[in-house]
Protein backbone atom coordinates (compact mmCIF):
# COMPACT_ATOMS: atom_id res chain seq x y z
CA MET A 1 -24.44 0.57 -1.00
CA PRO A 2 -21.11 -1.34 -1.10
CA ARG A 3 -18.20 0.31 -2.96
CA PRO A 4 -14.78 -1.03 -3.93
CA ILE A 5 -12.24 -0.34 -1.18
CA HIS A 6 -9.19 -2.33 -2.35
CA PHE A 7 -7.88 -3.99 -5.52
CA GLU A 8 -5.31 -6.70 -6.17
CA ILE A 9 -2.98 -7.22 -9.11
CA GLN A 10 -1.71 -10.75 -9.77
CA ALA A 11 1.75 -11.05 -11.32
CA ALA A 12 3.87 -13.90 -12.65
CA ASP A 13 6.87 -11.64 -11.96
CA PRO A 14 6.04 -9.18 -9.14
CA ALA A 15 9.24 -7.13 -9.62
CA ARG A 16 8.44 -6.65 -13.32
CA ALA A 17 4.85 -5.66 -12.53
CA ILE A 18 5.95 -3.21 -9.84
CA LYS A 19 8.38 -1.55 -12.27
CA PHE A 20 5.59 -1.30 -14.89
CA TYR A 21 3.12 0.45 -12.58
CA GLU A 22 5.79 2.70 -11.06
CA THR A 23 6.85 3.75 -14.57
CA VAL A 24 3.42 4.14 -16.16
CA LEU A 25 1.25 5.45 -13.32
CA GLY A 26 3.72 6.60 -10.66
CA TRP A 27 2.25 4.27 -8.04
CA THR A 28 4.36 3.33 -5.02
CA PHE A 29 4.80 -0.14 -3.53
CA HIS A 30 5.98 -1.41 -0.17
CA LYS A 31 6.43 -5.01 0.89
CA TRP A 32 3.95 -6.24 3.46
CA ASP A 33 5.57 -7.77 6.54
CA GLY A 34 3.29 -10.78 6.60
CA PRO A 35 3.53 -14.53 6.03
CA MET A 36 3.13 -14.38 2.23
CA PRO A 37 4.68 -12.30 -0.56
CA TYR A 38 2.45 -9.23 -0.86
CA TRP A 39 3.07 -5.58 -1.71
CA MET A 40 0.81 -2.71 -0.69
CA VAL A 41 0.05 -0.32 -3.57
CA THR A 42 -0.46 3.42 -2.99
CA THR A 43 -2.19 5.10 -5.93
CA GLY A 44 -2.44 8.65 -4.58
CA ALA A 45 -3.12 10.86 -1.60
CA ASP A 46 -5.82 9.74 0.84
CA ALA A 47 -7.64 13.07 0.33
CA GLU A 48 -8.13 12.31 -3.41
CA PRO A 49 -10.89 10.05 -4.76
CA GLY A 50 -9.74 6.50 -5.43
CA ILE A 51 -8.56 3.36 -3.71
CA ASN A 52 -5.27 1.69 -2.89
CA GLY A 53 -4.55 -1.97 -3.38
CA GLY A 54 -2.11 -4.84 -3.35
CA LEU A 55 0.05 -6.95 -5.63
CA HIS A 56 0.92 -10.63 -5.18
CA PRO A 57 2.26 -13.56 -7.18
CA ARG A 58 -0.25 -14.99 -9.66
CA MET A 59 -2.12 -18.01 -8.38
CA GLY A 60 -2.70 -20.74 -10.96
CA PRO A 61 -1.87 -20.84 -14.66
CA MET A 62 -1.68 -17.64 -16.70
CA PRO A 63 -4.31 -17.36 -19.46
CA THR A 64 -3.04 -17.63 -23.01
CA ASP A 65 -3.77 -15.29 -25.92
CA GLY A 66 -7.22 -15.81 -27.37
CA GLN A 67 -8.81 -16.91 -24.11
CA ALA A 68 -11.63 -14.86 -22.65
CA VAL A 69 -10.68 -12.37 -19.96
CA ILE A 70 -12.17 -13.27 -16.60
CA ALA A 71 -11.47 -10.30 -14.40
CA PHE A 72 -12.81 -7.38 -12.44
CA VAL A 73 -11.29 -4.58 -14.50
CA CYS A 74 -10.13 -1.42 -12.75
CA THR A 75 -10.03 1.85 -14.70
CA VAL A 76 -7.55 4.59 -13.83
CA GLY A 77 -8.35 8.28 -14.27
CA VAL A 78 -5.66 10.07 -16.34
CA ASP A 79 -5.25 13.57 -17.76
CA SER A 80 -4.31 12.31 -21.27
CA VAL A 81 -5.18 8.87 -22.63
CA ASP A 82 -2.75 9.44 -25.51
CA ALA A 83 0.17 10.13 -23.16
CA TYR A 84 -0.59 7.09 -21.01
CA VAL A 85 -1.07 4.82 -24.03
CA ALA A 86 2.49 5.79 -25.04
CA ARG A 87 3.77 5.13 -21.51
CA VAL A 88 2.18 1.67 -21.50
CA GLY A 89 4.09 0.70 -24.65
CA GLU A 90 7.36 2.18 -23.42
CA ALA A 91 7.06 0.17 -20.17
CA GLY A 92 6.48 -3.16 -21.95
CA GLY A 93 2.69 -3.33 -21.86
CA LYS A 94 0.32 -3.25 -24.82
CA ILE A 95 -2.96 -1.63 -25.75
CA CYS A 96 -5.68 -4.25 -26.19
CA VAL A 97 -8.57 -1.85 -26.95
CA PRO A 98 -7.54 1.43 -28.61
CA LYS A 99 -8.68 4.85 -27.45
CA MET A 100 -12.38 5.40 -28.03
CA PRO A 101 -14.87 8.09 -27.08
CA ILE A 102 -17.49 7.53 -24.41
CA PRO A 103 -19.88 10.30 -25.52
CA GLY A 104 -20.36 12.99 -22.92
CA ILE A 105 -17.97 11.24 -20.50
CA GLY A 106 -14.45 11.07 -21.91
CA TRP A 107 -11.86 8.93 -23.69
CA LEU A 108 -11.22 5.30 -22.78
CA ALA A 109 -8.56 2.73 -23.72
CA TYR A 110 -7.79 -0.69 -22.29
CA ALA A 111 -4.26 -2.00 -21.78
CA ASN A 112 -2.47 -5.15 -20.70
CA ASP A 113 0.33 -4.80 -18.18
CA THR A 114 3.50 -6.90 -18.40
CA GLU A 115 1.66 -9.74 -16.62
CA GLY A 116 -1.28 -9.89 -19.05
CA ASN A 117 -3.70 -8.15 -16.66
CA ILE A 118 -6.17 -5.76 -18.29
CA PHE A 119 -6.86 -2.26 -16.95
CA GLY A 120 -8.61 0.84 -18.26
CA LEU A 121 -7.36 4.39 -18.82
CA MET A 122 -10.07 7.09 -18.72
CA GLN A 123 -9.59 10.78 -19.56
CA PRO A 124 -12.59 12.89 -18.56
CA ASP A 125 -13.90 15.01 -21.47
CA PRO A 126 -17.61 15.93 -21.63
CA ALA A 127 -17.08 16.93 -25.33
CA ALA A 128 -15.92 13.43 -26.37
CA LYS A 129 -17.87 11.99 -29.32
């Protein structure tokens, strides 16, 4: 069955977005040596579960507040949703759905990065209620 193998982040200001993800999640970025502006994103060691991705300038107009989100949301595994919620705010992002339990699974919150993109933060915790 097909599984995600790559993700892409669109950014109005790629440098600002790179700084956000470096600060909040510790991801690393390197500029692709191709014909368009594109940065490869490394999210962790190849031996760990997960995928790597890319970042590029946003194509088309940016949605405004109040519009529906049309996206394929990626959720990032973290060891403490509370700690990462704080990091999001400190790095200029915002929490759009506060921490909530997913019973028997863990704790989940959704955030917007500095570019308005939404992503999830999930802390595994089988005791969550």
